[in-house]
Amino acid sequence: MIHLVLGGARSGKSRFAENWVAQMTASIPQACPPVYIATATIGNDDEMANRIARHQGDRRTSALAWITLETPLALAECLTRIDKANQVILVDCLTLYLTNHLLRASLNTTAETLRRMSATNLASHDWQTEKNHLLAVLPTLKSHVVLVSNEVGSGIVPMGELSREFVDQAGWLNQAIAALADEVSLVVAGLPLMLKTAINS
């Protein structure tokens, strides 16, 4: 079972996804502890550090015995490595995972390479390899997987080449995963709207 959960900032998508994991775990006989794959990185961002600490605190006080894995880049490899039956995995979130790849490629680009190829194009090339790996892995998993992602296409087109590339790539990633997912939910103001269910997938 693959469940994609979409929503804007502060829409309640992560809370909805965590509740979905709790319900799914409770329904599985002899279920393994659920796995939380966190894609966020702190860097030099104090506000992000506070967000991550808050999420960690929530998981510590949760009734679920979460196993947390910090995986900013190698998501497909991580899913393959930990996959097993009777397990539920939460990935939060796909858009930070995408951001990590785009920024990593851009920051690692040398001045000489930049003269020959834009940082955005290089980032996109590296990202396509990782994205294709993820899309190939997901349908093969024995685990139940819920993936959280931001819906970023409802606002204005952003300024800046890398920002526009991010919006494009996030939209294409969401579409690709929605196509292979069994269920897709859109969360708005804490309220989920089922866009695709296992019955009609």
N, C-alpha and C. Protein backbone atom coordinates (compact mmCIF):
# COMPACT_ATOMS: atom_id res chain seq x y z
N MET A 1 0.84 -1.19 0.00
CA MET A 1 0.00 0.00 0.00
C MET A 1 0.88 1.24 0.00
N ILE A 2 0.69 2.09 -0.97
CA ILE A 2 1.39 3.36 -1.05
C ILE A 2 0.35 4.48 -0.93
N HIS A 3 0.57 5.39 0.00
CA HIS A 3 -0.37 6.48 0.25
C HIS A 3 0.40 7.80 0.16
N LEU A 4 0.02 8.64 -0.78
CA LEU A 4 0.61 9.96 -0.94
C LEU A 4 -0.28 10.99 -0.26
N VAL A 5 0.31 11.79 0.63
CA VAL A 5 -0.43 12.84 1.35
C VAL A 5 0.11 14.19 0.91
N LEU A 6 -0.74 14.99 0.29
CA LEU A 6 -0.37 16.31 -0.21
C LEU A 6 -1.00 17.40 0.66
N GLY A 7 -0.37 18.56 0.69
CA GLY A 7 -0.96 19.68 1.41
C GLY A 7 0.00 20.86 1.41
N GLY A 8 -0.53 22.03 1.67
CA GLY A 8 0.30 23.22 1.77
C GLY A 8 0.96 23.33 3.12
N ALA A 9 1.69 24.41 3.32
CA ALA A 9 2.34 24.66 4.61
C ALA A 9 1.28 24.81 5.71
N ARG A 10 1.52 24.14 6.83
CA ARG A 10 0.62 24.19 7.98
C ARG A 10 -0.81 23.75 7.63
N SER A 11 -0.92 22.81 6.72
CA SER A 11 -2.24 22.30 6.34
C SER A 11 -2.70 21.18 7.26
N GLY A 12 -1.77 20.60 8.03
CA GLY A 12 -2.10 19.44 8.87
C GLY A 12 -1.76 18.13 8.20
N LYS A 13 -1.00 18.17 7.10
CA LYS A 13 -0.70 16.95 6.34
C LYS A 13 0.15 15.96 7.13
N SER A 14 1.13 16.47 7.89
CA SER A 14 1.99 15.56 8.66
C SER A 14 1.22 14.88 9.78
N ARG A 15 0.38 15.63 10.45
CA ARG A 15 -0.44 15.03 11.52
C ARG A 15 -1.39 13.99 10.95
N PHE A 16 -2.01 14.30 9.81
CA PHE A 16 -2.89 13.33 9.16
C PHE A 16 -2.11 12.07 8.79
N ALA A 17 -0.91 12.24 8.23
CA ALA A 17 -0.10 11.09 7.84
C ALA A 17 0.29 10.24 9.04
N GLU A 18 0.65 10.89 10.14
CA GLU A 18 1.01 10.14 11.34
C GLU A 18 -0.19 9.37 11.89
N ASN A 19 -1.38 9.96 11.85
CA ASN A 19 -2.58 9.25 12.28
C ASN A 19 -2.88 8.06 11.38
N TRP A 20 -2.64 8.24 10.07
CA TRP A 20 -2.83 7.15 9.12
C TRP A 20 -1.89 6.00 9.44
N VAL A 21 -0.63 6.33 9.77
CA VAL A 21 0.34 5.31 10.14
C VAL A 21 -0.11 4.57 11.39
N ALA A 22 -0.61 5.30 12.38
CA ALA A 22 -1.08 4.68 13.62
C ALA A 22 -2.23 3.70 13.35
N GLN A 23 -3.18 4.12 12.52
CA GLN A 23 -4.31 3.25 12.19
C GLN A 23 -3.87 2.03 11.41
N MET A 24 -2.97 2.22 10.46
CA MET A 24 -2.50 1.09 9.66
C MET A 24 -1.70 0.11 10.51
N THR A 25 -0.84 0.66 11.39
CA THR A 25 -0.04 -0.20 12.26
C THR A 25 -0.94 -1.03 13.18
N ALA A 26 -1.99 -0.39 13.71
CA ALA A 26 -2.91 -1.09 14.61
C ALA A 26 -3.68 -2.20 13.90
N SER A 27 -3.83 -2.08 12.60
CA SER A 27 -4.61 -3.08 11.84
C SER A 27 -3.78 -4.27 11.38
N ILE A 28 -2.47 -4.22 11.58
CA ILE A 28 -1.58 -5.28 11.11
C ILE A 28 -1.24 -6.21 12.27
N PRO A 29 -1.57 -7.50 12.15
CA PRO A 29 -1.18 -8.45 13.20
C PRO A 29 0.34 -8.54 13.30
N GLN A 30 0.84 -8.51 14.52
CA GLN A 30 2.28 -8.59 14.78
C GLN A 30 3.06 -7.55 13.97
N ALA A 31 2.55 -6.32 13.99
CA ALA A 31 3.18 -5.25 13.23
C ALA A 31 4.54 -4.88 13.81
N CYS A 32 5.46 -4.55 12.93
CA CYS A 32 6.75 -4.03 13.35
C CYS A 32 6.57 -2.57 13.79
N PRO A 33 7.49 -2.05 14.60
CA PRO A 33 7.41 -0.62 14.94
C PRO A 33 7.46 0.23 13.67
N PRO A 34 6.66 1.28 13.59
CA PRO A 34 6.67 2.11 12.39
C PRO A 34 7.98 2.88 12.24
N VAL A 35 8.35 3.13 11.01
CA VAL A 35 9.61 3.84 10.71
C VAL A 35 9.28 5.23 10.20
N TYR A 36 9.96 6.22 10.76
CA TYR A 36 9.83 7.62 10.33
C TYR A 36 11.10 8.00 9.60
N ILE A 37 11.01 8.22 8.28
CA ILE A 37 12.15 8.67 7.50
C ILE A 37 12.07 10.18 7.38
N ALA A 38 13.00 10.86 8.05
CA ALA A 38 13.03 12.32 8.07
C ALA A 38 14.02 12.81 7.02
N THR A 39 13.57 13.68 6.13
CA THR A 39 14.43 14.19 5.06
C THR A 39 14.98 15.58 5.34
N ALA A 40 14.53 16.21 6.42
CA ALA A 40 14.95 17.58 6.72
C ALA A 40 16.39 17.62 7.21
N THR A 41 17.07 18.72 6.88
CA THR A 41 18.41 18.98 7.40
C THR A 41 18.40 20.35 8.08
N ILE A 42 19.21 20.51 9.12
CA ILE A 42 19.21 21.76 9.88
C ILE A 42 20.06 22.83 9.21
N GLY A 43 21.28 22.47 8.80
CA GLY A 43 22.18 23.47 8.23
C GLY A 43 22.44 24.57 9.24
N ASN A 44 22.34 25.83 8.80
CA ASN A 44 22.52 26.99 9.68
C ASN A 44 21.19 27.66 10.01
N ASP A 45 20.12 26.92 9.92
CA ASP A 45 18.78 27.47 10.07
C ASP A 45 18.24 27.16 11.47
N ASP A 46 18.24 28.16 12.34
CA ASP A 46 17.76 27.96 13.71
C ASP A 46 16.27 27.62 13.74
N GLU A 47 15.50 28.24 12.86
CA GLU A 47 14.06 27.98 12.85
C GLU A 47 13.79 26.53 12.45
N MET A 48 14.56 26.02 11.46
CA MET A 48 14.41 24.62 11.07
C MET A 48 14.83 23.69 12.20
N ALA A 49 15.86 24.07 12.93
CA ALA A 49 16.30 23.28 14.08
C ALA A 49 15.18 23.17 15.11
N ASN A 50 14.46 24.27 15.34
CA ASN A 50 13.34 24.25 16.28
C ASN A 50 12.21 23.36 15.78
N ARG A 51 11.95 23.42 14.47
CA ARG A 51 10.90 22.57 13.88
C ARG A 51 11.24 21.09 14.06
N ILE A 52 12.49 20.76 13.75
CA ILE A 52 12.91 19.36 13.85
C ILE A 52 12.82 18.89 15.30
N ALA A 53 13.26 19.73 16.24
CA ALA A 53 13.20 19.38 17.66
C ALA A 53 11.75 19.16 18.10
N ARG A 54 10.84 19.99 17.60
CA ARG A 54 9.43 19.84 17.95
C ARG A 54 8.87 18.51 17.42
N HIS A 55 9.20 18.18 16.19
CA HIS A 55 8.74 16.90 15.61
C HIS A 55 9.33 15.72 16.38
N GLN A 56 10.61 15.83 16.75
CA GLN A 56 11.24 14.75 17.52
C GLN A 56 10.56 14.58 18.87
N GLY A 57 10.23 15.70 19.51
CA GLY A 57 9.53 15.64 20.79
C GLY A 57 8.16 15.00 20.66
N ASP A 58 7.46 15.34 19.58
CA ASP A 58 6.13 14.75 19.35
C ASP A 58 6.24 13.23 19.20
N ARG A 59 7.27 12.77 18.49
CA ARG A 59 7.41 11.32 18.30
C ARG A 59 7.79 10.62 19.60
N ARG A 60 8.58 11.29 20.44
CA ARG A 60 8.96 10.68 21.71
C ARG A 60 7.76 10.50 22.63
N THR A 61 6.80 11.40 22.56
CA THR A 61 5.62 11.31 23.42
C THR A 61 4.47 10.57 22.76
N SER A 62 4.68 10.09 21.55
CA SER A 62 3.65 9.38 20.82
C SER A 62 3.44 7.98 21.40
N ALA A 63 2.23 7.45 21.21
CA ALA A 63 1.95 6.08 21.63
C ALA A 63 2.67 5.07 20.75
N LEU A 64 3.11 5.50 19.58
CA LEU A 64 3.82 4.62 18.67
C LEU A 64 5.32 4.59 19.01
N ALA A 65 5.93 3.43 18.88
CA ALA A 65 7.37 3.27 19.13
C ALA A 65 8.12 3.54 17.83
N TRP A 66 8.16 4.83 17.44
CA TRP A 66 8.77 5.20 16.17
C TRP A 66 10.25 4.83 16.12
N ILE A 67 10.69 4.35 14.97
CA ILE A 67 12.11 4.24 14.65
C ILE A 67 12.40 5.35 13.64
N THR A 68 13.27 6.28 13.99
CA THR A 68 13.54 7.44 13.12
C THR A 68 14.86 7.26 12.38
N LEU A 69 14.80 7.48 11.07
CA LEU A 69 15.99 7.44 10.22
C LEU A 69 16.11 8.77 9.50
N GLU A 70 17.24 9.42 9.65
CA GLU A 70 17.47 10.69 8.95
C GLU A 70 18.07 10.37 7.58
N THR A 71 17.31 10.69 6.54
CA THR A 71 17.70 10.31 5.18
C THR A 71 17.44 11.48 4.24
N PRO A 72 18.35 12.43 4.16
CA PRO A 72 18.12 13.61 3.32
C PRO A 72 18.24 13.36 1.83
N LEU A 73 18.98 12.33 1.41
CA LEU A 73 19.27 12.15 -0.01
C LEU A 73 18.94 10.76 -0.54
N ALA A 74 19.41 9.71 0.11
CA ALA A 74 19.33 8.35 -0.44
C ALA A 74 18.04 7.65 -0.03
N LEU A 75 16.91 8.22 -0.42
CA LEU A 75 15.61 7.68 0.01
C LEU A 75 15.33 6.31 -0.59
N ALA A 76 15.55 6.15 -1.89
CA ALA A 76 15.29 4.87 -2.53
C ALA A 76 16.13 3.76 -1.91
N GLU A 77 17.40 4.04 -1.67
CA GLU A 77 18.29 3.05 -1.07
C GLU A 77 17.84 2.71 0.34
N CYS A 78 17.42 3.71 1.11
CA CYS A 78 16.96 3.48 2.48
C CYS A 78 15.71 2.62 2.51
N LEU A 79 14.75 2.92 1.65
CA LEU A 79 13.52 2.13 1.59
C LEU A 79 13.81 0.68 1.25
N THR A 80 14.69 0.46 0.30
CA THR A 80 15.06 -0.90 -0.10
C THR A 80 15.71 -1.65 1.06
N ARG A 81 16.58 -0.96 1.78
CA ARG A 81 17.34 -1.60 2.86
C ARG A 81 16.46 -2.01 4.03
N ILE A 82 15.46 -1.20 4.38
CA ILE A 82 14.67 -1.48 5.58
C ILE A 82 13.36 -2.19 5.28
N ASP A 83 13.07 -2.44 4.03
CA ASP A 83 11.78 -3.00 3.63
C ASP A 83 11.54 -4.38 4.23
N LYS A 84 10.33 -4.58 4.76
CA LYS A 84 9.90 -5.90 5.22
C LYS A 84 8.39 -5.89 5.40
N ALA A 85 7.83 -7.06 5.45
CA ALA A 85 6.38 -7.18 5.62
C ALA A 85 5.97 -6.73 7.03
N ASN A 86 4.69 -6.41 7.18
CA ASN A 86 4.12 -6.00 8.47
C ASN A 86 4.76 -4.75 9.04
N GLN A 87 5.19 -3.86 8.16
CA GLN A 87 5.84 -2.62 8.58
C GLN A 87 5.21 -1.44 7.86
N VAL A 88 5.08 -0.32 8.58
CA VAL A 88 4.58 0.92 7.99
C VAL A 88 5.69 1.96 8.05
N ILE A 89 5.92 2.62 6.93
CA ILE A 89 6.98 3.62 6.82
C ILE A 89 6.36 4.96 6.48
N LEU A 90 6.77 6.00 7.19
CA LEU A 90 6.35 7.37 6.89
C LEU A 90 7.55 8.15 6.37
N VAL A 91 7.42 8.75 5.20
CA VAL A 91 8.46 9.61 4.64
C VAL A 91 7.97 11.04 4.71
N ASP A 92 8.67 11.89 5.46
CA ASP A 92 8.26 13.29 5.63
C ASP A 92 9.49 14.19 5.52
N CYS A 93 9.66 14.94 4.40
CA CYS A 93 8.73 14.95 3.28
C CYS A 93 9.49 14.89 1.95
N LEU A 94 8.74 14.68 0.88
CA LEU A 94 9.34 14.55 -0.45
C LEU A 94 9.90 15.87 -0.97
N THR A 95 9.27 16.98 -0.62
CA THR A 95 9.75 18.26 -1.15
C THR A 95 11.07 18.69 -0.51
N LEU A 96 11.32 18.35 0.75
CA LEU A 96 12.63 18.61 1.34
C LEU A 96 13.67 17.68 0.74
N TYR A 97 13.29 16.46 0.46
CA TYR A 97 14.17 15.50 -0.23
C TYR A 97 14.57 16.05 -1.59
N LEU A 98 13.62 16.58 -2.34
CA LEU A 98 13.92 17.22 -3.62
C LEU A 98 14.83 18.42 -3.44
N THR A 99 14.51 19.27 -2.48
CA THR A 99 15.33 20.46 -2.21
C THR A 99 16.77 20.09 -1.91
N ASN A 100 16.97 19.05 -1.09
CA ASN A 100 18.32 18.62 -0.75
C ASN A 100 19.12 18.25 -2.00
N HIS A 101 18.45 17.58 -2.94
CA HIS A 101 19.15 17.17 -4.17
C HIS A 101 19.46 18.37 -5.05
N LEU A 102 18.51 19.25 -5.21
CA LEU A 102 18.74 20.40 -6.09
C LEU A 102 19.83 21.32 -5.52
N LEU A 103 19.80 21.57 -4.22
CA LEU A 103 20.80 22.44 -3.61
C LEU A 103 22.17 21.78 -3.58
N ARG A 104 22.22 20.49 -3.31
CA ARG A 104 23.50 19.77 -3.27
C ARG A 104 24.20 19.85 -4.62
N ALA A 105 23.46 19.63 -5.68
CA ALA A 105 24.06 19.68 -7.01
C ALA A 105 24.51 21.10 -7.34
N SER A 106 23.71 22.09 -6.97
CA SER A 106 24.06 23.48 -7.28
C SER A 106 25.29 23.93 -6.50
N LEU A 107 25.35 23.60 -5.20
CA LEU A 107 26.46 24.05 -4.36
C LEU A 107 27.76 23.34 -4.70
N ASN A 108 27.66 22.11 -5.23
CA ASN A 108 28.86 21.35 -5.56
C ASN A 108 29.37 21.62 -6.98
N THR A 109 28.66 22.48 -7.70
CA THR A 109 29.06 22.77 -9.06
C THR A 109 30.27 23.70 -9.08
N THR A 110 31.31 23.34 -9.82
CA THR A 110 32.51 24.16 -9.89
C THR A 110 32.28 25.35 -10.81
N ALA A 111 33.14 26.36 -10.68
CA ALA A 111 33.03 27.55 -11.53
C ALA A 111 33.18 27.19 -13.00
N GLU A 112 34.07 26.24 -13.29
CA GLU A 112 34.28 25.84 -14.68
C GLU A 112 33.03 25.17 -15.25
N THR A 113 32.42 24.31 -14.44
CA THR A 113 31.20 23.64 -14.90
C THR A 113 30.09 24.65 -15.10
N LEU A 114 30.01 25.63 -14.21
CA LEU A 114 28.97 26.64 -14.32
C LEU A 114 29.06 27.41 -15.63
N ARG A 115 30.28 27.59 -16.15
CA ARG A 115 30.43 28.30 -17.41
C ARG A 115 29.87 27.49 -18.57
N ARG A 116 29.90 26.15 -18.41
CA ARG A 116 29.45 25.30 -19.50
C ARG A 116 27.99 24.86 -19.35
N MET A 117 27.50 24.87 -18.12
CA MET A 117 26.17 24.32 -17.86
C MET A 117 25.58 25.02 -16.65
N SER A 118 24.35 25.43 -16.73
CA SER A 118 23.76 26.13 -15.58
C SER A 118 23.63 25.18 -14.40
N ALA A 119 23.72 25.72 -13.20
CA ALA A 119 23.59 24.89 -12.00
C ALA A 119 22.24 24.20 -11.96
N THR A 120 21.21 24.87 -12.45
CA THR A 120 19.88 24.29 -12.45
C THR A 120 19.81 23.05 -13.32
N ASN A 121 20.39 23.14 -14.52
CA ASN A 121 20.35 22.00 -15.42
C ASN A 121 21.12 20.82 -14.84
N LEU A 122 22.26 21.09 -14.21
CA LEU A 122 23.04 20.03 -13.58
C LEU A 122 22.26 19.40 -12.43
N ALA A 123 21.64 20.23 -11.61
CA ALA A 123 20.84 19.72 -10.51
C ALA A 123 19.72 18.85 -11.01
N SER A 124 19.05 19.28 -12.07
CA SER A 124 17.94 18.53 -12.63
C SER A 124 18.40 17.17 -13.14
N HIS A 125 19.58 17.15 -13.77
CA HIS A 125 20.10 15.89 -14.30
C HIS A 125 20.35 14.88 -13.18
N ASP A 126 21.03 15.30 -12.11
CA ASP A 126 21.31 14.41 -10.99
C ASP A 126 20.02 13.97 -10.30
N TRP A 127 19.08 14.88 -10.20
CA TRP A 127 17.81 14.57 -9.55
C TRP A 127 17.03 13.51 -10.33
N GLN A 128 17.05 13.55 -11.65
CA GLN A 128 16.29 12.60 -12.45
C GLN A 128 16.73 11.16 -12.16
N THR A 129 18.03 10.96 -11.96
CA THR A 129 18.53 9.61 -11.66
C THR A 129 17.95 9.12 -10.34
N GLU A 130 17.99 9.97 -9.30
CA GLU A 130 17.46 9.59 -7.99
C GLU A 130 15.94 9.40 -8.05
N LYS A 131 15.25 10.29 -8.74
CA LYS A 131 13.80 10.18 -8.86
C LYS A 131 13.39 8.88 -9.54
N ASN A 132 14.06 8.54 -10.63
CA ASN A 132 13.74 7.30 -11.34
C ASN A 132 13.99 6.08 -10.48
N HIS A 133 15.04 6.13 -9.66
CA HIS A 133 15.33 5.04 -8.73
C HIS A 133 14.20 4.88 -7.73
N LEU A 134 13.72 6.00 -7.17
CA LEU A 134 12.62 5.96 -6.20
C LEU A 134 11.36 5.40 -6.83
N LEU A 135 11.02 5.87 -8.02
CA LEU A 135 9.80 5.41 -8.68
C LEU A 135 9.86 3.93 -9.02
N ALA A 136 11.06 3.42 -9.28
CA ALA A 136 11.21 1.99 -9.57
C ALA A 136 11.10 1.15 -8.30
N VAL A 137 11.58 1.70 -7.17
CA VAL A 137 11.60 0.95 -5.92
C VAL A 137 10.22 0.86 -5.27
N LEU A 138 9.47 1.95 -5.28
CA LEU A 138 8.20 2.00 -4.52
C LEU A 138 7.25 0.84 -4.81
N PRO A 139 6.99 0.49 -6.07
CA PRO A 139 6.03 -0.60 -6.31
C PRO A 139 6.51 -1.98 -5.87
N THR A 140 7.80 -2.12 -5.58
CA THR A 140 8.35 -3.42 -5.19
C THR A 140 8.34 -3.66 -3.69
N LEU A 141 8.01 -2.64 -2.90
CA LEU A 141 8.14 -2.74 -1.45
C LEU A 141 7.05 -3.60 -0.83
N LYS A 142 7.43 -4.36 0.19
CA LYS A 142 6.47 -5.13 0.97
C LYS A 142 5.85 -4.29 2.07
N SER A 143 6.56 -3.25 2.50
CA SER A 143 6.07 -2.36 3.55
C SER A 143 4.92 -1.50 3.04
N HIS A 144 4.10 -1.03 3.97
CA HIS A 144 3.12 0.02 3.67
C HIS A 144 3.85 1.36 3.80
N VAL A 145 3.71 2.23 2.82
CA VAL A 145 4.47 3.48 2.80
C VAL A 145 3.52 4.66 2.63
N VAL A 146 3.66 5.65 3.51
CA VAL A 146 2.95 6.92 3.34
C VAL A 146 4.00 8.00 3.10
N LEU A 147 3.81 8.75 2.02
CA LEU A 147 4.76 9.80 1.64
C LEU A 147 4.07 11.15 1.72
N VAL A 148 4.68 12.08 2.45
CA VAL A 148 4.14 13.42 2.62
C VAL A 148 4.85 14.36 1.64
N SER A 149 4.07 15.21 0.98
CA SER A 149 4.66 16.16 0.04
C SER A 149 3.87 17.45 0.03
N ASN A 150 4.56 18.54 -0.24
CA ASN A 150 3.89 19.83 -0.33
C ASN A 150 3.23 20.00 -1.69
N GLU A 151 2.05 20.56 -1.68
CA GLU A 151 1.39 20.99 -2.92
C GLU A 151 1.82 22.43 -3.16
N VAL A 152 2.70 22.61 -4.15
CA VAL A 152 3.33 23.92 -4.36
C VAL A 152 2.83 24.61 -5.62
N GLY A 153 1.89 24.01 -6.34
CA GLY A 153 1.48 24.57 -7.62
C GLY A 153 0.30 25.50 -7.58
N SER A 154 -0.16 25.86 -6.39
CA SER A 154 -1.36 26.69 -6.30
C SER A 154 -1.06 28.18 -6.19
N GLY A 155 0.22 28.54 -6.08
CA GLY A 155 0.58 29.94 -5.93
C GLY A 155 1.12 30.53 -7.22
N ILE A 156 1.75 31.68 -7.10
CA ILE A 156 2.31 32.34 -8.27
C ILE A 156 3.62 31.66 -8.68
N VAL A 157 4.01 31.84 -9.93
CA VAL A 157 5.29 31.31 -10.39
C VAL A 157 6.40 32.11 -9.72
N PRO A 158 7.32 31.45 -9.00
CA PRO A 158 8.33 32.19 -8.23
C PRO A 158 9.40 32.82 -9.11
N MET A 159 10.07 33.83 -8.57
CA MET A 159 11.20 34.44 -9.25
C MET A 159 12.45 33.61 -8.97
N GLY A 160 13.35 33.57 -9.92
CA GLY A 160 14.59 32.83 -9.74
C GLY A 160 14.54 31.49 -10.42
N GLU A 161 15.63 31.17 -11.13
CA GLU A 161 15.67 29.94 -11.92
C GLU A 161 15.54 28.69 -11.07
N LEU A 162 16.30 28.63 -9.97
CA LEU A 162 16.27 27.44 -9.13
C LEU A 162 14.91 27.27 -8.45
N SER A 163 14.28 28.38 -8.05
CA SER A 163 12.96 28.31 -7.43
C SER A 163 11.92 27.77 -8.41
N ARG A 164 11.98 28.23 -9.66
CA ARG A 164 11.04 27.73 -10.67
C ARG A 164 11.30 26.25 -10.96
N GLU A 165 12.58 25.88 -10.98
CA GLU A 165 12.92 24.47 -11.19
C GLU A 165 12.37 23.60 -10.06
N PHE A 166 12.45 24.10 -8.84
CA PHE A 166 11.91 23.37 -7.69
C PHE A 166 10.42 23.14 -7.85
N VAL A 167 9.67 24.18 -8.20
CA VAL A 167 8.22 24.04 -8.35
C VAL A 167 7.89 23.04 -9.46
N ASP A 168 8.60 23.14 -10.57
CA ASP A 168 8.36 22.20 -11.67
C ASP A 168 8.64 20.77 -11.24
N GLN A 169 9.81 20.56 -10.64
CA GLN A 169 10.20 19.20 -10.26
C GLN A 169 9.29 18.63 -9.17
N ALA A 170 8.87 19.47 -8.22
CA ALA A 170 7.95 19.00 -7.17
C ALA A 170 6.62 18.58 -7.78
N GLY A 171 6.11 19.37 -8.71
CA GLY A 171 4.85 19.02 -9.37
C GLY A 171 4.95 17.72 -10.14
N TRP A 172 6.05 17.54 -10.88
CA TRP A 172 6.23 16.30 -11.65
C TRP A 172 6.42 15.09 -10.74
N LEU A 173 7.13 15.28 -9.62
CA LEU A 173 7.31 14.18 -8.66
C LEU A 173 5.97 13.78 -8.06
N ASN A 174 5.18 14.77 -7.63
CA ASN A 174 3.87 14.46 -7.06
C ASN A 174 2.98 13.71 -8.05
N GLN A 175 3.00 14.15 -9.30
CA GLN A 175 2.19 13.47 -10.32
C GLN A 175 2.64 12.03 -10.52
N ALA A 176 3.95 11.81 -10.58
CA ALA A 176 4.47 10.47 -10.83
C ALA A 176 4.14 9.52 -9.68
N ILE A 177 4.28 10.00 -8.44
CA ILE A 177 3.97 9.13 -7.30
C ILE A 177 2.47 8.93 -7.16
N ALA A 178 1.68 9.95 -7.43
CA ALA A 178 0.22 9.81 -7.39
C ALA A 178 -0.25 8.75 -8.38
N ALA A 179 0.41 8.66 -9.53
CA ALA A 179 0.01 7.70 -10.55
C ALA A 179 0.20 6.26 -10.09
N LEU A 180 1.24 6.01 -9.29
CA LEU A 180 1.48 4.64 -8.84
C LEU A 180 0.94 4.36 -7.44
N ALA A 181 0.51 5.40 -6.72
CA ALA A 181 0.00 5.23 -5.36
C ALA A 181 -1.36 4.55 -5.35
N ASP A 182 -1.63 3.82 -4.28
CA ASP A 182 -2.95 3.21 -4.08
C ASP A 182 -3.95 4.24 -3.57
N GLU A 183 -3.46 5.16 -2.73
CA GLU A 183 -4.31 6.21 -2.18
C GLU A 183 -3.59 7.55 -2.24
N VAL A 184 -4.35 8.61 -2.50
CA VAL A 184 -3.82 9.97 -2.50
C VAL A 184 -4.78 10.86 -1.74
N SER A 185 -4.25 11.61 -0.77
CA SER A 185 -5.07 12.52 0.02
C SER A 185 -4.54 13.94 -0.12
N LEU A 186 -5.45 14.91 -0.15
CA LEU A 186 -5.09 16.32 -0.10
C LEU A 186 -5.62 16.88 1.21
N VAL A 187 -4.75 17.47 2.03
CA VAL A 187 -5.16 18.00 3.33
C VAL A 187 -5.18 19.52 3.27
N VAL A 188 -6.33 20.10 3.62
CA VAL A 188 -6.51 21.54 3.63
C VAL A 188 -7.12 21.93 4.97
N ALA A 189 -6.48 22.84 5.71
CA ALA A 189 -6.98 23.29 7.01
C ALA A 189 -7.27 22.12 7.94
N GLY A 190 -6.40 21.10 7.88
CA GLY A 190 -6.55 19.95 8.75
C GLY A 190 -7.58 18.93 8.30
N LEU A 191 -8.24 19.19 7.17
CA LEU A 191 -9.29 18.30 6.68
C LEU A 191 -8.81 17.56 5.44
N PRO A 192 -8.85 16.21 5.47
CA PRO A 192 -8.38 15.45 4.33
C PRO A 192 -9.47 15.26 3.26
N LEU A 193 -9.06 15.38 2.02
CA LEU A 193 -9.92 15.09 0.89
C LEU A 193 -9.28 13.95 0.12
N MET A 194 -9.99 12.82 -0.01
CA MET A 194 -9.44 11.67 -0.70
C MET A 194 -9.54 11.89 -2.21
N LEU A 195 -8.40 11.97 -2.86
CA LEU A 195 -8.35 12.16 -4.31
C LEU A 195 -8.32 10.82 -5.05
N LYS A 196 -7.79 9.81 -4.38
CA LYS A 196 -7.67 8.48 -4.98
C LYS A 196 -7.73 7.46 -3.86
N THR A 197 -8.55 6.43 -4.01
CA THR A 197 -8.65 5.40 -3.00
C THR A 197 -8.29 4.05 -3.59
N ALA A 198 -7.99 3.11 -2.71
CA ALA A 198 -7.60 1.77 -3.14
C ALA A 198 -8.70 1.12 -3.96
N ILE A 199 -9.96 1.54 -3.74
CA ILE A 199 -11.08 0.93 -4.46
C ILE A 199 -11.04 1.27 -5.93
N ASN A 200 -10.68 2.58 -6.25
CA ASN A 200 -10.72 2.96 -7.65
C ASN A 200 -9.33 3.15 -8.24
N SER A 201 -8.27 2.71 -7.53
CA SER A 201 -6.92 2.87 -8.07
C SER A 201 -6.62 1.78 -9.07
